[in-house]
Amino acid sequence: MTGHTQKDGDWHDELVLLSELSGVNKQLSNYVLRILDADAGRAPELPVEQEQALGKRLAELGANLQTRARHRMTDDAASPQVIEFDDQS
């Protein structure tokens, strides 16, 4: 998160969100592979309950990610960042 300062309490929330995103990323990868295997006849389809649970979790994390983005926009508006580029010419 270069250029973005965190309030002391925000680090924990950010780390929790990143951990949850990492976990759901693995679940989503497994889901895609399972669907492909089921389509090819190599595995049974995923139970509907598991598919619904994954969809619900994705929606929850999507909302959390949107909240994080809104907070970053508010923080960035309060303290504009200066971006410097190295002139390679």
PDB file of N, CA and C in Angstrom:
ATOM      1  N   MET A   1       0.821  -1.180   0.000  1.00  0.00           N
ATOM      2  CA  MET A   1       0.000   0.000   0.000  1.00  0.00           C
ATOM      3  C   MET A   1       0.872   1.252   0.000  1.00  0.00           C
ATOM      4  N   THR A   2       1.752   1.345  -0.929  1.00  0.00           N
ATOM      5  CA  THR A   2       2.662   2.470  -1.006  1.00  0.00           C
ATOM      6  C   THR A   2       1.890   3.773  -1.146  1.00  0.00           C
ATOM      7  N   GLY A   3       2.270   4.756  -0.362  1.00  0.00           N
ATOM      8  CA  GLY A   3       1.662   6.065  -0.450  1.00  0.00           C
ATOM      9  C   GLY A   3       0.366   6.206   0.337  1.00  0.00           C
ATOM     10  N   HIS A   4      -0.068   5.173   0.982  1.00  0.00           N
ATOM     11  CA  HIS A   4      -1.312   5.234   1.750  1.00  0.00           C
ATOM     12  C   HIS A   4      -0.983   4.992   3.213  1.00  0.00           C
ATOM     13  N   THR A   5      -1.264   5.982   4.030  1.00  0.00           N
ATOM     14  CA  THR A   5      -0.976   5.820   5.455  1.00  0.00           C
ATOM     15  C   THR A   5      -2.176   5.196   6.143  1.00  0.00           C
ATOM     16  N   GLN A   6      -1.902   4.384   7.123  1.00  0.00           N
ATOM     17  CA  GLN A   6      -2.941   3.685   7.862  1.00  0.00           C
ATOM     18  C   GLN A   6      -3.051   4.263   9.266  1.00  0.00           C
ATOM     19  N   LYS A   7      -4.271   4.365   9.737  1.00  0.00           N
ATOM     20  CA  LYS A   7      -4.469   4.674  11.142  1.00  0.00           C
ATOM     21  C   LYS A   7      -4.137   3.415  11.920  1.00  0.00           C
ATOM     22  N   ASP A   8      -3.752   3.570  13.178  1.00  0.00           N
ATOM     23  CA  ASP A   8      -3.309   2.424  13.975  1.00  0.00           C
ATOM     24  C   ASP A   8      -4.291   1.260  13.955  1.00  0.00           C
ATOM     25  N   GLY A   9      -5.564   1.505  14.157  1.00  0.00           N
ATOM     26  CA  GLY A   9      -6.549   0.433  14.211  1.00  0.00           C
ATOM     27  C   GLY A   9      -6.894  -0.159  12.858  1.00  0.00           C
ATOM     28  N   ASP A  10      -6.581   0.567  11.772  1.00  0.00           N
ATOM     29  CA  ASP A  10      -6.944   0.105  10.436  1.00  0.00           C
ATOM     30  C   ASP A  10      -6.093  -1.059   9.961  1.00  0.00           C
ATOM     31  N   TRP A  11      -4.869  -1.173  10.462  1.00  0.00           N
ATOM     32  CA  TRP A  11      -3.988  -2.255  10.010  1.00  0.00           C
ATOM     33  C   TRP A  11      -4.599  -3.618  10.280  1.00  0.00           C
ATOM     34  N   HIS A  12      -5.177  -3.787  11.453  1.00  0.00           N
ATOM     35  CA  HIS A  12      -5.783  -5.080  11.787  1.00  0.00           C
ATOM     36  C   HIS A  12      -6.912  -5.406  10.814  1.00  0.00           C
ATOM     37  N   ASP A  13      -7.793  -4.444  10.580  1.00  0.00           N
ATOM     38  CA  ASP A  13      -8.910  -4.664   9.661  1.00  0.00           C
ATOM     39  C   ASP A  13      -8.410  -4.980   8.258  1.00  0.00           C
ATOM     40  N   GLU A  14      -7.381  -4.282   7.832  1.00  0.00           N
ATOM     41  CA  GLU A  14      -6.822  -4.513   6.501  1.00  0.00           C
ATOM     42  C   GLU A  14      -6.220  -5.917   6.395  1.00  0.00           C
ATOM     43  N   LEU A  15      -5.500  -6.335   7.414  1.00  0.00           N
ATOM     44  CA  LEU A  15      -4.901  -7.672   7.393  1.00  0.00           C
ATOM     45  C   LEU A  15      -5.970  -8.762   7.424  1.00  0.00           C
ATOM     46  N   VAL A  16      -7.028  -8.534   8.176  1.00  0.00           N
ATOM     47  CA  VAL A  16      -8.130  -9.500   8.212  1.00  0.00           C
ATOM     48  C   VAL A  16      -8.770  -9.602   6.832  1.00  0.00           C
ATOM     49  N   LEU A  17      -9.014  -8.464   6.192  1.00  0.00           N
ATOM     50  CA  LEU A  17      -9.608  -8.467   4.856  1.00  0.00           C
ATOM     51  C   LEU A  17      -8.712  -9.197   3.863  1.00  0.00           C
ATOM     52  N   LEU A  18      -7.421  -8.916   3.891  1.00  0.00           N
ATOM     53  CA  LEU A  18      -6.497  -9.592   2.975  1.00  0.00           C
ATOM     54  C   LEU A  18      -6.464 -11.092   3.223  1.00  0.00           C
ATOM     55  N   SER A  19      -6.503 -11.491   4.472  1.00  0.00           N
ATOM     56  CA  SER A  19      -6.525 -12.911   4.802  1.00  0.00           C
ATOM     57  C   SER A  19      -7.801 -13.573   4.286  1.00  0.00           C
ATOM     58  N   GLU A  20      -8.923 -12.903   4.479  1.00  0.00           N
ATOM     59  CA  GLU A  20     -10.195 -13.449   4.010  1.00  0.00           C
ATOM     60  C   GLU A  20     -10.235 -13.526   2.487  1.00  0.00           C
ATOM     61  N   LEU A  21      -9.696 -12.506   1.807  1.00  0.00           N
ATOM     62  CA  LEU A  21      -9.641 -12.530   0.343  1.00  0.00           C
ATOM     63  C   LEU A  21      -8.761 -13.669  -0.148  1.00  0.00           C
ATOM     64  N   SER A  22      -7.667 -13.901   0.539  1.00  0.00           N
ATOM     65  CA  SER A  22      -6.782 -15.003   0.167  1.00  0.00           C
ATOM     66  C   SER A  22      -7.494 -16.339   0.309  1.00  0.00           C
ATOM     67  N   GLY A  23      -8.213 -16.506   1.403  1.00  0.00           N
ATOM     68  CA  GLY A  23      -8.943 -17.750   1.629  1.00  0.00           C
ATOM     69  C   GLY A  23     -10.034 -17.979   0.599  1.00  0.00           C
ATOM     70  N   VAL A  24     -10.783 -16.935   0.277  1.00  0.00           N
ATOM     71  CA  VAL A  24     -11.862 -17.091  -0.696  1.00  0.00           C
ATOM     72  C   VAL A  24     -11.287 -17.268  -2.100  1.00  0.00           C
ATOM     73  N   ASN A  25     -10.109 -16.738  -2.347  1.00  0.00           N
ATOM     74  CA  ASN A  25      -9.444 -16.949  -3.632  1.00  0.00           C
ATOM     75  C   ASN A  25      -9.180 -18.440  -3.843  1.00  0.00           C
ATOM     76  N   LYS A  26      -8.723 -19.104  -2.795  1.00  0.00           N
ATOM     77  CA  LYS A  26      -8.482 -20.548  -2.884  1.00  0.00           C
ATOM     78  C   LYS A  26      -9.795 -21.295  -3.097  1.00  0.00           C
ATOM     79  N   GLN A  27     -10.828 -20.903  -2.366  1.00  0.00           N
ATOM     80  CA  GLN A  27     -12.134 -21.544  -2.527  1.00  0.00           C
ATOM     81  C   GLN A  27     -12.674 -21.350  -3.942  1.00  0.00           C
ATOM     82  N   LEU A  28     -12.489 -20.163  -4.482  1.00  0.00           N
ATOM     83  CA  LEU A  28     -12.962 -19.870  -5.829  1.00  0.00           C
ATOM     84  C   LEU A  28     -12.202 -20.690  -6.868  1.00  0.00           C
ATOM     85  N   SER A  29     -10.907 -20.836  -6.679  1.00  0.00           N
ATOM     86  CA  SER A  29     -10.108 -21.674  -7.581  1.00  0.00           C
ATOM     87  C   SER A  29     -10.585 -23.119  -7.539  1.00  0.00           C
ATOM     88  N   ASN A  30     -10.813 -23.636  -6.341  1.00  0.00           N
ATOM     89  CA  ASN A  30     -11.324 -25.002  -6.195  1.00  0.00           C
ATOM     90  C   ASN A  30     -12.702 -25.149  -6.832  1.00  0.00           C
ATOM     91  N   TYR A  31     -13.523 -24.123  -6.687  1.00  0.00           N
ATOM     92  CA  TYR A  31     -14.859 -24.136  -7.278  1.00  0.00           C
ATOM     93  C   TYR A  31     -14.769 -24.247  -8.799  1.00  0.00           C
ATOM     94  N   VAL A  32     -13.933 -23.420  -9.405  1.00  0.00           N
ATOM     95  CA  VAL A  32     -13.780 -23.436 -10.867  1.00  0.00           C
ATOM     96  C   VAL A  32     -13.291 -24.801 -11.333  1.00  0.00           C
ATOM     97  N   LEU A  33     -12.285 -25.349 -10.652  1.00  0.00           N
ATOM     98  CA  LEU A  33     -11.771 -26.666 -11.034  1.00  0.00           C
ATOM     99  C   LEU A  33     -12.839 -27.745 -10.876  1.00  0.00           C
ATOM    100  N   ARG A  34     -13.622 -27.655  -9.822  1.00  0.00           N
ATOM    101  CA  ARG A  34     -14.682 -28.648  -9.591  1.00  0.00           C
ATOM    102  C   ARG A  34     -15.743 -28.570 -10.679  1.00  0.00           C
ATOM    103  N   ILE A  35     -16.109 -27.360 -11.086  1.00  0.00           N
ATOM    104  CA  ILE A  35     -17.102 -27.187 -12.149  1.00  0.00           C
ATOM    105  C   ILE A  35     -16.572 -27.769 -13.457  1.00  0.00           C
ATOM    106  N   LEU A  36     -15.300 -27.524 -13.750  1.00  0.00           N
ATOM    107  CA  LEU A  36     -14.702 -28.081 -14.971  1.00  0.00           C
ATOM    108  C   LEU A  36     -14.667 -29.604 -14.920  1.00  0.00           C
ATOM    109  N   ASP A  37     -14.303 -30.153 -13.762  1.00  0.00           N
ATOM    110  CA  ASP A  37     -14.291 -31.614 -13.608  1.00  0.00           C
ATOM    111  C   ASP A  37     -15.700 -32.191 -13.745  1.00  0.00           C
ATOM    112  N   ALA A  38     -16.683 -31.527 -13.163  1.00  0.00           N
ATOM    113  CA  ALA A  38     -18.066 -32.001 -13.264  1.00  0.00           C
ATOM    114  C   ALA A  38     -18.539 -31.942 -14.715  1.00  0.00           C
ATOM    115  N   ASP A  39     -18.173 -30.880 -15.408  1.00  0.00           N
ATOM    116  CA  ASP A  39     -18.561 -30.732 -16.811  1.00  0.00           C
ATOM    117  C   ASP A  39     -17.947 -31.833 -17.674  1.00  0.00           C
ATOM    118  N   ALA A  40     -16.741 -32.255 -17.321  1.00  0.00           N
ATOM    119  CA  ALA A  40     -16.054 -33.314 -18.064  1.00  0.00           C
ATOM    120  C   ALA A  40     -16.452 -34.709 -17.586  1.00  0.00           C
ATOM    121  N   GLY A  41     -17.304 -34.789 -16.565  1.00  0.00           N
ATOM    122  CA  GLY A  41     -17.756 -36.079 -16.061  1.00  0.00           C
ATOM    123  C   GLY A  41     -16.772 -36.763 -15.129  1.00  0.00           C
ATOM    124  N   ARG A  42     -15.784 -36.022 -14.624  1.00  0.00           N
ATOM    125  CA  ARG A  42     -14.773 -36.607 -13.733  1.00  0.00           C
ATOM    126  C   ARG A  42     -15.121 -36.478 -12.255  1.00  0.00           C
ATOM    127  N   ALA A  43     -16.121 -35.671 -11.942  1.00  0.00           N
ATOM    128  CA  ALA A  43     -16.491 -35.452 -10.535  1.00  0.00           C
ATOM    129  C   ALA A  43     -17.962 -35.057 -10.474  1.00  0.00           C
ATOM    130  N   PRO A  44     -18.598 -35.323  -9.341  1.00  0.00           N
ATOM    131  CA  PRO A  44     -19.989 -34.869  -9.201  1.00  0.00           C
ATOM    132  C   PRO A  44     -20.035 -33.344  -9.055  1.00  0.00           C
ATOM    133  N   GLU A  45     -21.184 -32.785  -9.368  1.00  0.00           N
ATOM    134  CA  GLU A  45     -21.345 -31.340  -9.205  1.00  0.00           C
ATOM    135  C   GLU A  45     -21.241 -30.962  -7.734  1.00  0.00           C
ATOM    136  N   LEU A  46     -20.841 -29.733  -7.507  1.00  0.00           N
ATOM    137  CA  LEU A  46     -20.753 -29.202  -6.150  1.00  0.00           C
ATOM    138  C   LEU A  46     -22.166 -29.096  -5.565  1.00  0.00           C
ATOM    139  N   PRO A  47     -22.353 -29.452  -4.306  1.00  0.00           N
ATOM    140  CA  PRO A  47     -23.679 -29.295  -3.696  1.00  0.00           C
ATOM    141  C   PRO A  47     -24.141 -27.833  -3.752  1.00  0.00           C
ATOM    142  N   VAL A  48     -25.427 -27.655  -3.980  1.00  0.00           N
ATOM    143  CA  VAL A  48     -26.006 -26.318  -4.103  1.00  0.00           C
ATOM    144  C   VAL A  48     -25.709 -25.472  -2.869  1.00  0.00           C
ATOM    145  N   GLU A  49     -25.748 -26.079  -1.697  1.00  0.00           N
ATOM    146  CA  GLU A  49     -25.507 -25.332  -0.457  1.00  0.00           C
ATOM    147  C   GLU A  49     -24.103 -24.732  -0.436  1.00  0.00           C
ATOM    148  N   GLN A  50     -23.119 -25.490  -0.907  1.00  0.00           N
ATOM    149  CA  GLN A  50     -21.742 -24.978  -0.942  1.00  0.00           C
ATOM    150  C   GLN A  50     -21.612 -23.849  -1.955  1.00  0.00           C
ATOM    151  N   GLU A  51     -22.296 -23.990  -3.080  1.00  0.00           N
ATOM    152  CA  GLU A  51     -22.261 -22.940  -4.095  1.00  0.00           C
ATOM    153  C   GLU A  51     -22.906 -21.660  -3.565  1.00  0.00           C
ATOM    154  N   GLN A  52     -24.024 -21.803  -2.870  1.00  0.00           N
ATOM    155  CA  GLN A  52     -24.687 -20.641  -2.282  1.00  0.00           C
ATOM    156  C   GLN A  52     -23.812 -19.986  -1.213  1.00  0.00           C
ATOM    157  N   ALA A  53     -23.166 -20.793  -0.391  1.00  0.00           N
ATOM    158  CA  ALA A  53     -22.299 -20.256   0.663  1.00  0.00           C
ATOM    159  C   ALA A  53     -21.128 -19.483   0.059  1.00  0.00           C
ATOM    160  N   LEU A  54     -20.547 -20.012  -1.019  1.00  0.00           N
ATOM    161  CA  LEU A  54     -19.443 -19.309  -1.674  1.00  0.00           C
ATOM    162  C   LEU A  54     -19.927 -17.992  -2.267  1.00  0.00           C
ATOM    163  N   GLY A  55     -21.086 -18.005  -2.900  1.00  0.00           N
ATOM    164  CA  GLY A  55     -21.642 -16.771  -3.459  1.00  0.00           C
ATOM    165  C   GLY A  55     -21.897 -15.724  -2.390  1.00  0.00           C
ATOM    166  N   LYS A  56     -22.431 -16.157  -1.258  1.00  0.00           N
ATOM    167  CA  LYS A  56     -22.687 -15.232  -0.146  1.00  0.00           C
ATOM    168  C   LYS A  56     -21.382 -14.643   0.378  1.00  0.00           C
ATOM    169  N   ARG A  57     -20.367 -15.494   0.517  1.00  0.00           N
ATOM    170  CA  ARG A  57     -19.068 -15.025   1.029  1.00  0.00           C
ATOM    171  C   ARG A  57     -18.421 -14.039   0.060  1.00  0.00           C
ATOM    172  N   LEU A  58     -18.524 -14.321  -1.239  1.00  0.00           N
ATOM    173  CA  LEU A  58     -17.983 -13.399  -2.242  1.00  0.00           C
ATOM    174  C   LEU A  58     -18.678 -12.042  -2.167  1.00  0.00           C
ATOM    175  N   ALA A  59     -19.996 -12.052  -1.991  1.00  0.00           N
ATOM    176  CA  ALA A  59     -20.746 -10.799  -1.882  1.00  0.00           C
ATOM    177  C   ALA A  59     -20.338 -10.017  -0.634  1.00  0.00           C
ATOM    178  N   GLU A  60     -20.159 -10.724   0.488  1.00  0.00           N
ATOM    179  CA  GLU A  60     -19.742 -10.060   1.732  1.00  0.00           C
ATOM    180  C   GLU A  60     -18.370  -9.420   1.575  1.00  0.00           C
ATOM    181  N   LEU A  61     -17.438 -10.178   1.006  1.00  0.00           N
ATOM    182  CA  LEU A  61     -16.090  -9.636   0.835  1.00  0.00           C
ATOM    183  C   LEU A  61     -16.072  -8.511  -0.193  1.00  0.00           C
ATOM    184  N   GLY A  62     -16.925  -8.610  -1.203  1.00  0.00           N
ATOM    185  CA  GLY A  62     -17.046  -7.521  -2.173  1.00  0.00           C
ATOM    186  C   GLY A  62     -17.501  -6.236  -1.497  1.00  0.00           C
ATOM    187  N   ALA A  63     -18.468  -6.348  -0.604  1.00  0.00           N
ATOM    188  CA  ALA A  63     -18.945  -5.176   0.141  1.00  0.00           C
ATOM    189  C   ALA A  63     -17.838  -4.616   1.033  1.00  0.00           C
ATOM    190  N   ASN A  64     -17.075  -5.496   1.677  1.00  0.00           N
ATOM    191  CA  ASN A  64     -15.961  -5.045   2.525  1.00  0.00           C
ATOM    192  C   ASN A  64     -14.891  -4.343   1.696  1.00  0.00           C
ATOM    193  N   LEU A  65     -14.633  -4.846   0.506  1.00  0.00           N
ATOM    194  CA  LEU A  65     -13.637  -4.234  -0.373  1.00  0.00           C
ATOM    195  C   LEU A  65     -14.112  -2.859  -0.848  1.00  0.00           C
ATOM    196  N   GLN A  66     -15.404  -2.734  -1.133  1.00  0.00           N
ATOM    197  CA  GLN A  66     -15.955  -1.435  -1.517  1.00  0.00           C
ATOM    198  C   GLN A  66     -15.852  -0.439  -0.366  1.00  0.00           C
ATOM    199  N   THR A  67     -16.105  -0.895   0.847  1.00  0.00           N
ATOM    200  CA  THR A  67     -15.977  -0.029   2.023  1.00  0.00           C
ATOM    201  C   THR A  67     -14.540   0.450   2.167  1.00  0.00           C
ATOM    202  N   ARG A  68     -13.588  -0.459   1.983  1.00  0.00           N
ATOM    203  CA  ARG A  68     -12.170  -0.093   2.056  1.00  0.00           C
ATOM    204  C   ARG A  68     -11.843   0.974   1.015  1.00  0.00           C
ATOM    205  N   ALA A  69     -12.346   0.803  -0.197  1.00  0.00           N
ATOM    206  CA  ALA A  69     -12.080   1.772  -1.262  1.00  0.00           C
ATOM    207  C   ALA A  69     -12.669   3.140  -0.920  1.00  0.00           C
ATOM    208  N   ARG A  70     -13.883   3.151  -0.360  1.00  0.00           N
ATOM    209  CA  ARG A  70     -14.486   4.428   0.036  1.00  0.00           C
ATOM    210  C   ARG A  70     -13.655   5.117   1.109  1.00  0.00           C
ATOM    211  N   HIS A  71     -13.171   4.357   2.075  1.00  0.00           N
ATOM    212  CA  HIS A  71     -12.331   4.941   3.125  1.00  0.00           C
ATOM    213  C   HIS A  71     -11.044   5.495   2.536  1.00  0.00           C
ATOM    214  N   ARG A  72     -10.466   4.783   1.591  1.00  0.00           N
ATOM    215  CA  ARG A  72      -9.234   5.261   0.955  1.00  0.00           C
ATOM    216  C   ARG A  72      -9.490   6.547   0.189  1.00  0.00           C
ATOM    217  N   MET A  73     -10.645   6.642  -0.492  1.00  0.00           N
ATOM    218  CA  MET A  73     -10.963   7.871  -1.223  1.00  0.00           C
ATOM    219  C   MET A  73     -11.094   9.035  -0.261  1.00  0.00           C
ATOM    220  N   THR A  74     -11.742   8.810   0.878  1.00  0.00           N
ATOM    221  CA  THR A  74     -11.903   9.854   1.883  1.00  0.00           C
ATOM    222  C   THR A  74     -10.551  10.257   2.454  1.00  0.00           C
ATOM    223  N   ASP A  75      -9.720   9.268   2.789  1.00  0.00           N
ATOM    224  CA  ASP A  75      -8.386   9.545   3.324  1.00  0.00           C
ATOM    225  C   ASP A  75      -7.530  10.275   2.302  1.00  0.00           C
ATOM    226  N   ASP A  76      -7.593   9.842   1.045  1.00  0.00           N
ATOM    227  CA  ASP A  76      -6.782  10.456   0.001  1.00  0.00           C
ATOM    228  C   ASP A  76      -7.227  11.882  -0.283  1.00  0.00           C
ATOM    229  N   ALA A  77      -8.524  12.160  -0.181  1.00  0.00           N
ATOM    230  CA  ALA A  77      -9.020  13.515  -0.405  1.00  0.00           C
ATOM    231  C   ALA A  77      -8.550  14.443   0.708  1.00  0.00           C
ATOM    232  N   ALA A  78      -8.435  13.908   1.921  1.00  0.00           N
ATOM    233  CA  ALA A  78      -7.999  14.719   3.059  1.00  0.00           C
ATOM    234  C   ALA A  78      -6.507  15.013   3.006  1.00  0.00           C
ATOM    235  N   SER A  79      -5.726  14.090   2.466  1.00  0.00           N
ATOM    236  CA  SER A  79      -4.279  14.297   2.379  1.00  0.00           C
ATOM    237  C   SER A  79      -3.796  13.840   1.001  1.00  0.00           C
ATOM    238  N   PRO A  80      -3.781  14.761   0.038  1.00  0.00           N
ATOM    239  CA  PRO A  80      -3.396  14.387  -1.323  1.00  0.00           C
ATOM    240  C   PRO A  80      -1.988  13.812  -1.375  1.00  0.00           C
ATOM    241  N   GLN A  81      -1.812  12.855  -2.264  1.00  0.00           N
ATOM    242  CA  GLN A  81      -0.514  12.219  -2.426  1.00  0.00           C
ATOM    243  C   GLN A  81       0.266  12.914  -3.534  1.00  0.00           C
ATOM    244  N   VAL A  82       1.561  12.931  -3.383  1.00  0.00           N
ATOM    245  CA  VAL A  82       2.437  13.445  -4.424  1.00  0.00           C
ATOM    246  C   VAL A  82       3.102  12.246  -5.074  1.00  0.00           C
ATOM    247  N   ILE A  83       2.932  12.142  -6.381  1.00  0.00           N
ATOM    248  CA  ILE A  83       3.533  11.038  -7.116  1.00  0.00           C
ATOM    249  C   ILE A  83       4.688  11.595  -7.928  1.00  0.00           C
ATOM    250  N   GLU A  84       5.857  11.040  -7.702  1.00  0.00           N
ATOM    251  CA  GLU A  84       7.041  11.482  -8.428  1.00  0.00           C
ATOM    252  C   GLU A  84       7.481  10.383  -9.375  1.00  0.00           C
ATOM    253  N   PHE A  85       7.868  10.780 -10.572  1.00  0.00           N
ATOM    254  CA  PHE A  85       8.347   9.838 -11.563  1.00  0.00           C
ATOM    255  C   PHE A  85       9.815  10.115 -11.829  1.00  0.00           C
ATOM    256  N   ASP A  86      10.584   9.050 -11.975  1.00  0.00           N
ATOM    257  CA  ASP A  86      11.979   9.203 -12.363  1.00  0.00           C
ATOM    258  C   ASP A  86      12.028   9.464 -13.855  1.00  0.00           C
ATOM    259  N   ASP A  87      12.729  10.489 -14.251  1.00  0.00           N
ATOM    260  CA  ASP A  87      12.861  10.798 -15.671  1.00  0.00           C
ATOM    261  C   ASP A  87      13.973   9.937 -16.239  1.00  0.00           C
ATOM    262  N   GLN A  88      13.602   8.939 -17.034  1.00  0.00           N
ATOM    263  CA  GLN A  88      14.564   7.992 -17.593  1.00  0.00           C
ATOM    264  C   GLN A  88      15.098   8.448 -18.944  1.00  0.00           C
ATOM    265  N   SER A  89      14.704   9.625 -19.439  1.00  0.00           N
ATOM    266  CA  SER A  89      15.146  10.047 -20.770  1.00  0.00           C
ATOM    267  C   SER A  89      16.489  10.704 -20.784  1.00  0.00           C
TER     268      SER A  89
END
